[in-house]
């Protein structure tokens, strides 16, 4: 197994895309939870 720091730097773009995707998905879940709580609160 070879460790080449240049490959690590090249793969940072994929790490960034994954982190942004995760942040976006969690944001959608959080917003939908807030909206559903607001809707069901008006009983």
C-alpha atoms as a PDB file:
ATOM      1  CA  UNK A   1       0.000   0.000   0.000  1.00  0.00           C
ATOM      2  CA  UNK A   2       1.469   3.304  -1.076  1.00  0.00           C
ATOM      3  CA  UNK A   3       0.808   6.637   0.544  1.00  0.00           C
ATOM      4  CA  UNK A   4       1.011   9.516  -1.877  1.00  0.00           C
ATOM      5  CA  UNK A   5       0.002  12.899  -0.463  1.00  0.00           C
ATOM      6  CA  UNK A   6      -0.856  14.178  -3.945  1.00  0.00           C
ATOM      7  CA  UNK A   7      -3.689  11.647  -4.194  1.00  0.00           C
ATOM      8  CA  UNK A   8      -5.024  12.773  -0.822  1.00  0.00           C
ATOM      9  CA  UNK A   9      -5.139  16.373  -2.022  1.00  0.00           C
ATOM     10  CA  UNK A  10      -6.788  15.294  -5.289  1.00  0.00           C
ATOM     11  CA  UNK A  11      -9.502  13.406  -3.364  1.00  0.00           C
ATOM     12  CA  UNK A  12     -10.423  16.380  -1.191  1.00  0.00           C
ATOM     13  CA  UNK A  13     -12.953  17.471  -3.831  1.00  0.00           C
ATOM     14  CA  UNK A  14     -14.854  14.198  -3.363  1.00  0.00           C
ATOM     15  CA  UNK A  15     -14.728  14.641   0.409  1.00  0.00           C
ATOM     16  CA  UNK A  16     -16.125  18.158   0.031  1.00  0.00           C
ATOM     17  CA  UNK A  17     -18.941  16.956  -2.245  1.00  0.00           C
ATOM     18  CA  UNK A  18     -19.845  14.218   0.234  1.00  0.00           C
ATOM     19  CA  UNK A  19     -19.856  16.584   3.186  1.00  0.00           C
ATOM     20  CA  UNK A  20     -22.017  19.099   1.313  1.00  0.00           C
ATOM     21  CA  UNK A  21     -24.426  16.362   0.304  1.00  0.00           C
ATOM     22  CA  UNK A  22     -24.695  15.160   3.883  1.00  0.00           C
ATOM     23  CA  UNK A  23     -25.224  18.703   5.160  1.00  0.00           C
ATOM     24  CA  UNK A  24     -27.922  19.285   2.526  1.00  0.00           C
ATOM     25  CA  UNK A  25     -29.734  16.032   3.357  1.00  0.00           C
ATOM     26  CA  UNK A  26     -29.684  16.726   7.104  1.00  0.00           C
ATOM     27  CA  UNK A  27     -30.927  20.262   6.443  1.00  0.00           C
ATOM     28  CA  UNK A  28     -33.882  18.922   4.440  1.00  0.00           C
ATOM     29  CA  UNK A  29     -34.733  16.480   7.244  1.00  0.00           C
ATOM     30  CA  UNK A  30     -34.500  19.192   9.895  1.00  0.00           C
ATOM     31  CA  UNK A  31     -36.631  21.636   7.911  1.00  0.00           C
ATOM     32  CA  UNK A  32     -39.278  19.028   7.185  1.00  0.00           C
ATOM     33  CA  UNK A  33     -39.414  18.128  10.886  1.00  0.00           C
ATOM     34  CA  UNK A  34     -39.880  21.786  11.832  1.00  0.00           C
ATOM     35  CA  UNK A  35     -42.603  22.259   9.206  1.00  0.00           C
ATOM     36  CA  UNK A  36     -44.447  19.115  10.291  1.00  0.00           C
ATOM     37  CA  UNK A  37     -44.296  20.225  13.942  1.00  0.00           C
ATOM     38  CA  UNK A  38     -45.720  23.640  13.015  1.00  0.00           C
ATOM     39  CA  UNK A  39     -48.545  22.039  11.016  1.00  0.00           C
ATOM     40  CA  UNK A  40     -49.526  19.544  13.705  1.00  0.00           C
ATOM     41  CA  UNK A  41     -49.308  22.171  16.457  1.00  0.00           C
ATOM     42  CA  UNK A  42     -52.395  24.035  15.204  1.00  0.00           C
ATOM     43  CA  UNK A  43     -54.957  21.575  16.605  1.00  0.00           C
END
